[in-house]
Amino acid sequence: MEEFVAFFENVPTSFRTGLLLGGIVLFWILEGVIPLFSFRYSKIKHAGINLFFTLTTAIIGFGLAWLLLQASNFVAENKFGLLYIVEMPLWLQLITGVMLLDLIGAYFIHWLEHRVKWMWQFHLVHHSDTNVDVTTGLRHHPGETIFRIFFTILAVVIVGAPIGFVMLYQSLSVLFAHITHANIRMPVKLDRALSWIFVTPYMHKVHHHYTQPLTDTNYGNIFSIWDRIFNTFAQVDKTEDLTYGIDTHMDPRENSSLDNLLAIPFKKYRPPVGAKFGKTQPVDS
């Protein structure tokens, strides 16, 4: 276990880059072999838009990596954070750390983005994709990327996560972003069995349905247990019946224009049909 953690403490940039790009290529191929939806779109043009946002996410991530490293080193050196309240073996500390990073640095900020109007304006760039595939996973407005990273740093401080834990968590996050957004078909029973613990492709596709209340469900990143605990879990009988996008931005001309997507957070707010920000929507699960 020590060697495993040590690897992620000094994880090579080539490994992280390979995980990001290799995952996209792998699932891109699988989407052609076992597609869930037969989209009528230019896959190359669609990927170009989304990979632009993937690139900005990577650049901002590397730019703020120093702050993340300093925060992690500080809590580890001073034994500050939730992980140090109770003494645990390394394997349990690792699992607990990754789960808590997922709760605070992913689930909570994601839920908040659906509750706070100005955050939603940035986040809906991700939801505006009407053809969800593997490239959608890192389709985040640069503004959203910034406050997501700062919530990750906040999570590191609260949890007390050493850098090895953080790098493992971030690697898993990239992997799950690929898996859960990929336009691939899988056995329903397997997906539902795995969704008791992990976020699965069919589970996350529900979150990308274009109207509430389903849009406001399934906020999980890696672990689905947070959605089950906080009553934000939902599933549908047939994933094929879902419609991707967001009801306020269904015009293909809006969603395929990079200039428009970058400008969306600064335009006049358009509430989704039935939106009640600040209140949890009822969920039929």
C-alpha atoms as a PDB file:
ATOM      1  CA  MET A   1       0.000   0.000   0.000  1.00  0.00           C
ATOM      2  CA  GLU A   2       2.888   2.360   0.782  1.00  0.00           C
ATOM      3  CA  GLU A   3       4.316   1.824  -2.706  1.00  0.00           C
ATOM      4  CA  PHE A   4       0.898   2.459  -4.263  1.00  0.00           C
ATOM      5  CA  VAL A   5       0.527   5.792  -2.449  1.00  0.00           C
ATOM      6  CA  ALA A   6       4.164   6.673  -3.202  1.00  0.00           C
ATOM      7  CA  PHE A   7       3.513   6.251  -6.930  1.00  0.00           C
ATOM      8  CA  PHE A   8       0.751   8.856  -6.835  1.00  0.00           C
ATOM      9  CA  GLU A   9       2.837  11.168  -4.648  1.00  0.00           C
ATOM     10  CA  ASN A  10       5.229  11.490  -7.573  1.00  0.00           C
ATOM     11  CA  VAL A  11       2.877  10.575 -10.399  1.00  0.00           C
ATOM     12  CA  PRO A  12       4.456  11.400 -13.774  1.00  0.00           C
ATOM     13  CA  THR A  13       2.795  13.995 -15.969  1.00  0.00           C
ATOM     14  CA  SER A  14       2.909  11.401 -18.752  1.00  0.00           C
ATOM     15  CA  PHE A  15       0.672   9.102 -16.689  1.00  0.00           C
ATOM     16  CA  ARG A  16      -1.952  11.796 -16.125  1.00  0.00           C
ATOM     17  CA  THR A  17      -1.809  12.919 -19.758  1.00  0.00           C
ATOM     18  CA  GLY A  18      -2.075   9.329 -20.933  1.00  0.00           C
ATOM     19  CA  LEU A  19      -5.100   8.772 -18.700  1.00  0.00           C
ATOM     20  CA  LEU A  20      -6.796  11.879 -20.078  1.00  0.00           C
ATOM     21  CA  LEU A  21      -6.071  11.369 -23.771  1.00  0.00           C
ATOM     22  CA  GLY A  22      -5.972   7.566 -23.730  1.00  0.00           C
ATOM     23  CA  GLY A  23      -9.364   7.440 -22.057  1.00  0.00           C
ATOM     24  CA  ILE A  24     -10.882   9.734 -24.664  1.00  0.00           C
ATOM     25  CA  VAL A  25      -9.470   7.626 -27.515  1.00  0.00           C
ATOM     26  CA  LEU A  26     -10.554   4.324 -25.917  1.00  0.00           C
ATOM     27  CA  PHE A  27     -14.140   5.380 -25.279  1.00  0.00           C
ATOM     28  CA  TRP A  28     -14.320   7.197 -28.625  1.00  0.00           C
ATOM     29  CA  ILE A  29     -13.659   3.809 -30.241  1.00  0.00           C
ATOM     30  CA  LEU A  30     -16.157   2.021 -27.976  1.00  0.00           C
ATOM     31  CA  GLU A  31     -18.813   4.598 -28.859  1.00  0.00           C
ATOM     32  CA  GLY A  32     -18.524   3.445 -32.444  1.00  0.00           C
ATOM     33  CA  VAL A  33     -18.810  -0.232 -31.487  1.00  0.00           C
ATOM     34  CA  ILE A  34     -21.523  -0.230 -28.779  1.00  0.00           C
ATOM     35  CA  PRO A  35     -23.281   3.158 -28.932  1.00  0.00           C
ATOM     36  CA  LEU A  36     -26.187   3.920 -26.602  1.00  0.00           C
ATOM     37  CA  PHE A  37     -27.615   6.625 -28.894  1.00  0.00           C
ATOM     38  CA  SER A  38     -27.173   6.952 -32.651  1.00  0.00           C
ATOM     39  CA  PHE A  39     -26.507  10.684 -32.775  1.00  0.00           C
ATOM     40  CA  ARG A  40     -26.845  12.587 -36.042  1.00  0.00           C
ATOM     41  CA  TYR A  41     -24.027  15.072 -35.618  1.00  0.00           C
ATOM     42  CA  SER A  42     -20.541  15.857 -36.779  1.00  0.00           C
ATOM     43  CA  LYS A  43     -18.525  13.951 -34.193  1.00  0.00           C
ATOM     44  CA  ILE A  44     -15.315  15.765 -35.155  1.00  0.00           C
ATOM     45  CA  LYS A  45     -16.850  19.263 -34.888  1.00  0.00           C
ATOM     46  CA  HIS A  46     -18.559  18.332 -31.629  1.00  0.00           C
ATOM     47  CA  ALA A  47     -15.283  17.026 -30.228  1.00  0.00           C
ATOM     48  CA  GLY A  48     -13.479  20.193 -31.308  1.00  0.00           C
ATOM     49  CA  ILE A  49     -15.731  22.355 -29.144  1.00  0.00           C
ATOM     50  CA  ASN A  50     -15.501  20.059 -26.136  1.00  0.00           C
ATOM     51  CA  LEU A  51     -11.754  19.462 -26.428  1.00  0.00           C
ATOM     52  CA  PHE A  52     -11.221  23.221 -26.346  1.00  0.00           C
ATOM     53  CA  PHE A  53     -12.811  23.231 -22.888  1.00  0.00           C
ATOM     54  CA  THR A  54     -10.779  20.146 -21.956  1.00  0.00           C
ATOM     55  CA  LEU A  55      -7.649  22.096 -22.870  1.00  0.00           C
ATOM     56  CA  THR A  56      -8.656  25.151 -20.816  1.00  0.00           C
ATOM     57  CA  THR A  57      -9.456  22.861 -17.880  1.00  0.00           C
ATOM     58  CA  ALA A  58      -6.004  21.277 -18.127  1.00  0.00           C
ATOM     59  CA  ILE A  59      -4.224  24.647 -18.409  1.00  0.00           C
ATOM     60  CA  ILE A  60      -6.049  26.136 -15.426  1.00  0.00           C
ATOM     61  CA  GLY A  61      -5.490  22.926 -13.464  1.00  0.00           C
ATOM     62  CA  PHE A  62      -1.758  23.025 -14.040  1.00  0.00           C
ATOM     63  CA  GLY A  63      -1.722  26.755 -13.297  1.00  0.00           C
ATOM     64  CA  LEU A  64      -3.325  26.250  -9.873  1.00  0.00           C
ATOM     65  CA  ALA A  65      -1.470  23.016  -9.098  1.00  0.00           C
ATOM     66  CA  TRP A  66       1.014  24.897  -6.909  1.00  0.00           C
ATOM     67  CA  LEU A  67      -1.759  26.068  -4.569  1.00  0.00           C
ATOM     68  CA  LEU A  68      -3.149  22.555  -4.372  1.00  0.00           C
ATOM     69  CA  LEU A  69       0.296  21.141  -3.581  1.00  0.00           C
ATOM     70  CA  GLN A  70       0.979  23.757  -0.889  1.00  0.00           C
ATOM     71  CA  ALA A  71      -2.376  23.104   0.768  1.00  0.00           C
ATOM     72  CA  SER A  72      -1.804  19.359   0.756  1.00  0.00           C
ATOM     73  CA  ASN A  73       1.758  19.636   2.098  1.00  0.00           C
ATOM     74  CA  PHE A  74       0.613  21.983   4.876  1.00  0.00           C
ATOM     75  CA  VAL A  75      -2.126  19.692   6.202  1.00  0.00           C
ATOM     76  CA  ALA A  76       0.088  16.606   5.930  1.00  0.00           C
ATOM     77  CA  GLU A  77       3.008  18.209   7.763  1.00  0.00           C
ATOM     78  CA  ASN A  78       0.787  19.624  10.508  1.00  0.00           C
ATOM     79  CA  LYS A  79      -1.527  16.578  10.695  1.00  0.00           C
ATOM     80  CA  PHE A  80      -4.495  18.878  10.221  1.00  0.00           C
ATOM     81  CA  GLY A  81      -7.852  17.616   8.992  1.00  0.00           C
ATOM     82  CA  LEU A  82     -10.511  14.960   9.450  1.00  0.00           C
ATOM     83  CA  LEU A  83      -8.149  12.083   8.612  1.00  0.00           C
ATOM     84  CA  TYR A  84      -6.154  12.758  11.761  1.00  0.00           C
ATOM     85  CA  ILE A  85      -9.057  12.682  14.232  1.00  0.00           C
ATOM     86  CA  VAL A  86      -9.002   8.895  14.457  1.00  0.00           C
ATOM     87  CA  GLU A  87      -5.941   6.723  13.866  1.00  0.00           C
ATOM     88  CA  MET A  88      -6.472   4.393  10.886  1.00  0.00           C
ATOM     89  CA  PRO A  89      -4.384   1.967   8.853  1.00  0.00           C
ATOM     90  CA  LEU A  90      -3.127   3.445   5.588  1.00  0.00           C
ATOM     91  CA  TRP A  91      -5.566   1.513   3.375  1.00  0.00           C
ATOM     92  CA  LEU A  92      -8.566   2.749   5.354  1.00  0.00           C
ATOM     93  CA  GLN A  93      -7.184   6.258   5.506  1.00  0.00           C
ATOM     94  CA  LEU A  94      -6.791   6.224   1.717  1.00  0.00           C
ATOM     95  CA  ILE A  95     -10.354   5.029   1.059  1.00  0.00           C
ATOM     96  CA  THR A  96     -11.782   7.501   3.574  1.00  0.00           C
ATOM     97  CA  GLY A  97      -9.710  10.343   2.158  1.00  0.00           C
ATOM     98  CA  VAL A  98     -10.748   9.718  -1.446  1.00  0.00           C
ATOM     99  CA  MET A  99     -14.414   9.410  -0.454  1.00  0.00           C
ATOM    100  CA  LEU A 100     -14.372  12.657   1.519  1.00  0.00           C
ATOM    101  CA  LEU A 101     -12.566  14.484  -1.298  1.00  0.00           C
ATOM    102  CA  ASP A 102     -15.311  13.234  -3.593  1.00  0.00           C
ATOM    103  CA  LEU A 103     -18.022  14.448  -1.210  1.00  0.00           C
ATOM    104  CA  ILE A 104     -16.666  17.964  -0.640  1.00  0.00           C
ATOM    105  CA  GLY A 105     -14.690  18.608  -3.807  1.00  0.00           C
ATOM    106  CA  ALA A 106     -17.187  17.137  -6.275  1.00  0.00           C
ATOM    107  CA  TYR A 107     -20.660  16.285  -4.963  1.00  0.00           C
ATOM    108  CA  PHE A 108     -21.098  19.374  -2.799  1.00  0.00           C
ATOM    109  CA  ILE A 109     -19.848  21.922  -5.348  1.00  0.00           C
ATOM    110  CA  HIS A 110     -21.898  20.219  -8.072  1.00  0.00           C
ATOM    111  CA  TRP A 111     -25.029  20.417  -5.931  1.00  0.00           C
ATOM    112  CA  LEU A 112     -24.220  24.060  -5.160  1.00  0.00           C
ATOM    113  CA  GLU A 113     -23.899  24.863  -8.864  1.00  0.00           C
ATOM    114  CA  HIS A 114     -27.505  23.800  -9.298  1.00  0.00           C
ATOM    115  CA  ARG A 115     -28.660  25.911  -6.346  1.00  0.00           C
ATOM    116  CA  VAL A 116     -26.809  29.222  -6.906  1.00  0.00           C
ATOM    117  CA  LYS A 117     -27.850  31.178  -9.998  1.00  0.00           C
ATOM    118  CA  TRP A 118     -24.507  32.694 -10.949  1.00  0.00           C
ATOM    119  CA  MET A 119     -22.752  29.334 -10.535  1.00  0.00           C
ATOM    120  CA  TRP A 120     -25.430  27.686 -12.650  1.00  0.00           C
ATOM    121  CA  GLN A 121     -24.771  30.191 -15.442  1.00  0.00           C
ATOM    122  CA  PHE A 122     -21.239  28.771 -15.721  1.00  0.00           C
ATOM    123  CA  HIS A 123     -22.240  25.145 -15.169  1.00  0.00           C
ATOM    124  CA  LEU A 124     -24.958  25.092 -17.806  1.00  0.00           C
ATOM    125  CA  VAL A 125     -22.241  25.195 -20.488  1.00  0.00           C
ATOM    126  CA  HIS A 126     -21.662  21.571 -19.487  1.00  0.00           C
ATOM    127  CA  HIS A 127     -25.385  20.805 -19.533  1.00  0.00           C
ATOM    128  CA  SER A 128     -25.981  22.525 -22.870  1.00  0.00           C
ATOM    129  CA  ASP A 129     -24.418  19.611 -24.757  1.00  0.00           C
ATOM    130  CA  THR A 130     -27.276  17.856 -26.573  1.00  0.00           C
ATOM    131  CA  ASN A 131     -25.003  15.025 -27.758  1.00  0.00           C
ATOM    132  CA  VAL A 132     -23.405  13.661 -24.599  1.00  0.00           C
ATOM    133  CA  ASP A 133     -20.356  11.542 -25.320  1.00  0.00           C
ATOM    134  CA  VAL A 134     -16.885  10.959 -23.879  1.00  0.00           C
ATOM    135  CA  THR A 135     -15.743  14.473 -24.856  1.00  0.00           C
ATOM    136  CA  THR A 136     -18.549  16.004 -22.756  1.00  0.00           C
ATOM    137  CA  GLY A 137     -16.877  14.877 -19.541  1.00  0.00           C
ATOM    138  CA  LEU A 138     -14.513  17.855 -19.319  1.00  0.00           C
ATOM    139  CA  ARG A 139     -16.727  20.396 -21.109  1.00  0.00           C
ATOM    140  CA  HIS A 140     -16.550  23.027 -18.370  1.00  0.00           C
ATOM    141  CA  HIS A 141     -16.421  26.789 -18.760  1.00  0.00           C
ATOM    142  CA  PRO A 142     -13.045  28.170 -17.570  1.00  0.00           C
ATOM    143  CA  GLY A 143     -14.864  30.112 -14.861  1.00  0.00           C
ATOM    144  CA  GLU A 144     -16.427  26.928 -13.525  1.00  0.00           C
ATOM    145  CA  THR A 145     -13.050  25.182 -13.626  1.00  0.00           C
ATOM    146  CA  ILE A 146     -11.585  27.859 -11.368  1.00  0.00           C
ATOM    147  CA  PHE A 147     -14.178  27.605  -8.607  1.00  0.00           C
ATOM    148  CA  ARG A 148     -14.232  23.800  -8.843  1.00  0.00           C
ATOM    149  CA  ILE A 149     -10.479  23.735  -8.252  1.00  0.00           C
ATOM    150  CA  PHE A 150     -10.800  26.050  -5.274  1.00  0.00           C
ATOM    151  CA  PHE A 151     -13.415  23.718  -3.800  1.00  0.00           C
ATOM    152  CA  THR A 152     -10.981  20.857  -4.329  1.00  0.00           C
ATOM    153  CA  ILE A 153      -8.366  22.831  -2.387  1.00  0.00           C
ATOM    154  CA  LEU A 154     -10.963  23.482   0.336  1.00  0.00           C
ATOM    155  CA  ALA A 155     -11.687  19.750   0.457  1.00  0.00           C
ATOM    156  CA  VAL A 156      -7.969  18.977   0.790  1.00  0.00           C
ATOM    157  CA  VAL A 157      -7.707  21.322   3.789  1.00  0.00           C
ATOM    158  CA  ILE A 158     -10.830  19.985   5.508  1.00  0.00           C
ATOM    159  CA  VAL A 159      -9.928  16.346   4.895  1.00  0.00           C
ATOM    160  CA  GLY A 160      -6.195  16.719   5.527  1.00  0.00           C
ATOM    161  CA  ALA A 161      -5.343  14.799   2.373  1.00  0.00           C
ATOM    162  CA  PRO A 162      -1.665  14.243   1.508  1.00  0.00           C
ATOM    163  CA  ILE A 163      -0.689  14.765  -2.117  1.00  0.00           C
ATOM    164  CA  GLY A 164      -0.676  11.032  -2.923  1.00  0.00           C
ATOM    165  CA  PHE A 165      -4.344  10.816  -1.964  1.00  0.00           C
ATOM    166  CA  VAL A 166      -5.145  13.939  -3.987  1.00  0.00           C
ATOM    167  CA  MET A 167      -3.434  12.684  -7.142  1.00  0.00           C
ATOM    168  CA  LEU A 168      -5.193   9.316  -6.879  1.00  0.00           C
ATOM    169  CA  TYR A 169      -8.528  11.083  -6.446  1.00  0.00           C
ATOM    170  CA  GLN A 170      -7.935  13.344  -9.440  1.00  0.00           C
ATOM    171  CA  SER A 171      -6.879  10.389 -11.597  1.00  0.00           C
ATOM    172  CA  LEU A 172     -10.064   8.538 -10.665  1.00  0.00           C
ATOM    173  CA  SER A 173     -12.092  11.683 -11.385  1.00  0.00           C
ATOM    174  CA  VAL A 174     -10.775  11.874 -14.938  1.00  0.00           C
ATOM    175  CA  LEU A 175     -11.427   8.169 -15.470  1.00  0.00           C
ATOM    176  CA  PHE A 176     -15.006   8.419 -14.185  1.00  0.00           C
ATOM    177  CA  ALA A 177     -15.641  11.534 -16.287  1.00  0.00           C
ATOM    178  CA  HIS A 178     -14.809   9.450 -19.350  1.00  0.00           C
ATOM    179  CA  ILE A 179     -16.810   6.404 -18.279  1.00  0.00           C
ATOM    180  CA  THR A 180     -19.970   8.174 -17.118  1.00  0.00           C
ATOM    181  CA  HIS A 181     -20.281  10.466 -20.139  1.00  0.00           C
ATOM    182  CA  ALA A 182     -19.292   8.002 -22.856  1.00  0.00           C
ATOM    183  CA  ASN A 183     -22.075   7.156 -25.300  1.00  0.00           C
ATOM    184  CA  ILE A 184     -21.798   3.428 -24.693  1.00  0.00           C
ATOM    185  CA  ARG A 185     -24.354   0.697 -24.114  1.00  0.00           C
ATOM    186  CA  MET A 186     -23.974  -1.671 -21.181  1.00  0.00           C
ATOM    187  CA  PRO A 187     -26.108  -4.319 -19.423  1.00  0.00           C
ATOM    188  CA  VAL A 188     -28.790  -2.577 -17.373  1.00  0.00           C
ATOM    189  CA  LYS A 189     -28.528  -5.031 -14.474  1.00  0.00           C
ATOM    190  CA  LEU A 190     -24.771  -4.513 -14.239  1.00  0.00           C
ATOM    191  CA  ASP A 191     -25.142  -0.733 -14.331  1.00  0.00           C
ATOM    192  CA  ARG A 192     -27.779  -0.759 -11.578  1.00  0.00           C
ATOM    193  CA  ALA A 193     -25.767  -3.158  -9.400  1.00  0.00           C
ATOM    194  CA  LEU A 194     -22.645  -0.995  -9.651  1.00  0.00           C
ATOM    195  CA  SER A 195     -24.672   2.173  -9.040  1.00  0.00           C
ATOM    196  CA  TRP A 196     -25.208   1.176  -5.412  1.00  0.00           C
ATOM    197  CA  ILE A 197     -21.610   2.275  -4.815  1.00  0.00           C
ATOM    198  CA  PHE A 198     -20.257   3.997  -7.915  1.00  0.00           C
ATOM    199  CA  VAL A 199     -21.553   6.549 -10.393  1.00  0.00           C
ATOM    200  CA  THR A 200     -22.328   4.587 -13.569  1.00  0.00           C
ATOM    201  CA  PRO A 201     -22.952   5.607 -17.195  1.00  0.00           C
ATOM    202  CA  TYR A 202     -26.719   5.156 -17.080  1.00  0.00           C
ATOM    203  CA  MET A 203     -26.995   6.801 -13.684  1.00  0.00           C
ATOM    204  CA  HIS A 204     -25.171   9.924 -14.823  1.00  0.00           C
ATOM    205  CA  LYS A 205     -27.068  10.127 -18.103  1.00  0.00           C
ATOM    206  CA  VAL A 206     -30.201  10.842 -16.031  1.00  0.00           C
ATOM    207  CA  HIS A 207     -28.502  14.008 -14.764  1.00  0.00           C
ATOM    208  CA  HIS A 208     -28.107  15.206 -18.370  1.00  0.00           C
ATOM    209  CA  HIS A 209     -31.846  15.039 -19.126  1.00  0.00           C
ATOM    210  CA  TYR A 210     -32.969  18.421 -20.400  1.00  0.00           C
ATOM    211  CA  THR A 211     -35.671  19.204 -17.814  1.00  0.00           C
ATOM    212  CA  GLN A 212     -36.180  19.178 -14.066  1.00  0.00           C
ATOM    213  CA  PRO A 213     -36.484  17.373 -11.776  1.00  0.00           C
ATOM    214  CA  LEU A 214     -34.061  14.887 -13.371  1.00  0.00           C
ATOM    215  CA  THR A 215     -31.523  17.630 -14.159  1.00  0.00           C
ATOM    216  CA  ASP A 216     -31.258  18.203 -10.399  1.00  0.00           C
ATOM    217  CA  THR A 217     -30.365  14.627  -9.490  1.00  0.00           C
ATOM    218  CA  ASN A 218     -27.325  12.323  -9.503  1.00  0.00           C
ATOM    219  CA  TYR A 219     -24.644  14.876  -8.655  1.00  0.00           C
ATOM    220  CA  GLY A 220     -22.064  12.227  -7.773  1.00  0.00           C
ATOM    221  CA  ASN A 221     -18.633  12.104  -9.352  1.00  0.00           C
ATOM    222  CA  ILE A 222     -17.112   8.761  -8.292  1.00  0.00           C
ATOM    223  CA  PHE A 223     -19.316   7.448  -5.488  1.00  0.00           C
ATOM    224  CA  SER A 224     -23.092   7.229  -5.831  1.00  0.00           C
ATOM    225  CA  ILE A 225     -23.610   6.796  -2.097  1.00  0.00           C
ATOM    226  CA  TRP A 226     -23.711  10.555  -1.583  1.00  0.00           C
ATOM    227  CA  ASP A 227     -26.751  10.851  -3.848  1.00  0.00           C
ATOM    228  CA  ARG A 228     -28.435   8.029  -1.974  1.00  0.00           C
ATOM    229  CA  ILE A 229     -27.609   9.485   1.447  1.00  0.00           C
ATOM    230  CA  PHE A 230     -28.772  13.004   0.546  1.00  0.00           C
ATOM    231  CA  ASN A 231     -31.838  11.841  -1.417  1.00  0.00           C
ATOM    232  CA  THR A 232     -30.705  13.183  -4.787  1.00  0.00           C
ATOM    233  CA  PHE A 233     -30.536   9.785  -6.496  1.00  0.00           C
ATOM    234  CA  ALA A 234     -32.836   8.998  -9.438  1.00  0.00           C
ATOM    235  CA  GLN A 235     -33.089   6.418 -12.169  1.00  0.00           C
ATOM    236  CA  VAL A 236     -35.323   5.876 -15.182  1.00  0.00           C
ATOM    237  CA  ASP A 237     -36.751   2.715 -16.683  1.00  0.00           C
ATOM    238  CA  LYS A 238     -35.251   3.346 -20.107  1.00  0.00           C
ATOM    239  CA  THR A 239     -32.138   5.442 -20.531  1.00  0.00           C
ATOM    240  CA  GLU A 240     -32.920   5.648 -24.256  1.00  0.00           C
ATOM    241  CA  ASP A 241     -35.964   7.806 -23.435  1.00  0.00           C
ATOM    242  CA  LEU A 242     -33.792  10.630 -22.071  1.00  0.00           C
ATOM    243  CA  THR A 243     -33.228  13.846 -23.998  1.00  0.00           C
ATOM    244  CA  TYR A 244     -29.882  15.538 -23.475  1.00  0.00           C
ATOM    245  CA  GLY A 245     -29.332  19.265 -23.071  1.00  0.00           C
ATOM    246  CA  ILE A 246     -30.967  21.965 -20.981  1.00  0.00           C
ATOM    247  CA  ASP A 247     -34.412  23.341 -21.794  1.00  0.00           C
ATOM    248  CA  THR A 248     -33.276  26.979 -21.949  1.00  0.00           C
ATOM    249  CA  HIS A 249     -30.498  26.308 -24.469  1.00  0.00           C
ATOM    250  CA  MET A 250     -31.665  23.683 -26.960  1.00  0.00           C
ATOM    251  CA  ASP A 251     -30.838  25.683 -30.098  1.00  0.00           C
ATOM    252  CA  PRO A 252     -27.992  23.827 -31.909  1.00  0.00           C
ATOM    253  CA  ARG A 253     -26.616  27.164 -33.124  1.00  0.00           C
ATOM    254  CA  GLU A 254     -26.061  28.215 -29.508  1.00  0.00           C
ATOM    255  CA  ASN A 255     -24.508  24.948 -28.423  1.00  0.00           C
ATOM    256  CA  SER A 256     -22.102  24.646 -31.337  1.00  0.00           C
ATOM    257  CA  SER A 257     -20.757  28.189 -31.152  1.00  0.00           C
ATOM    258  CA  LEU A 258     -17.638  28.539 -29.019  1.00  0.00           C
ATOM    259  CA  ASP A 259     -18.080  32.311 -28.713  1.00  0.00           C
ATOM    260  CA  ASN A 260     -21.628  31.870 -27.448  1.00  0.00           C
ATOM    261  CA  LEU A 261     -20.686  29.146 -24.967  1.00  0.00           C
ATOM    262  CA  LEU A 262     -17.942  31.304 -23.466  1.00  0.00           C
ATOM    263  CA  ALA A 263     -20.371  34.230 -23.172  1.00  0.00           C
ATOM    264  CA  ILE A 264     -23.326  32.334 -21.654  1.00  0.00           C
ATOM    265  CA  PRO A 265     -22.423  33.035 -17.977  1.00  0.00           C
ATOM    266  CA  PHE A 266     -22.463  36.778 -18.667  1.00  0.00           C
ATOM    267  CA  LYS A 267     -25.784  36.911 -20.500  1.00  0.00           C
ATOM    268  CA  LYS A 268     -29.203  37.555 -19.018  1.00  0.00           C
ATOM    269  CA  TYR A 269     -30.238  34.655 -16.836  1.00  0.00           C
ATOM    270  CA  ARG A 270     -32.860  32.310 -18.271  1.00  0.00           C
ATOM    271  CA  PRO A 271     -34.354  30.033 -15.592  1.00  0.00           C
ATOM    272  CA  PRO A 272     -35.163  26.423 -16.504  1.00  0.00           C
ATOM    273  CA  VAL A 273     -38.853  25.567 -16.659  1.00  0.00           C
ATOM    274  CA  GLY A 274     -40.091  25.128 -13.099  1.00  0.00           C
ATOM    275  CA  ALA A 275     -36.787  26.258 -11.595  1.00  0.00           C
ATOM    276  CA  LYS A 276     -36.794  26.930  -7.853  1.00  0.00           C
ATOM    277  CA  PHE A 277     -33.250  27.840  -6.946  1.00  0.00           C
ATOM    278  CA  GLY A 278     -32.380  27.340  -3.308  1.00  0.00           C
ATOM    279  CA  LYS A 279     -34.931  24.535  -2.896  1.00  0.00           C
ATOM    280  CA  THR A 280     -34.452  20.862  -3.482  1.00  0.00           C
ATOM    281  CA  GLN A 281     -36.666  19.497  -6.230  1.00  0.00           C
ATOM    282  CA  PRO A 282     -38.792  16.393  -5.586  1.00  0.00           C
ATOM    283  CA  VAL A 283     -37.316  13.262  -7.113  1.00  0.00           C
ATOM    284  CA  ASP A 284     -39.087  10.099  -8.187  1.00  0.00           C
ATOM    285  CA  SER A 285     -36.522   7.357  -7.748  1.00  0.00           C
END
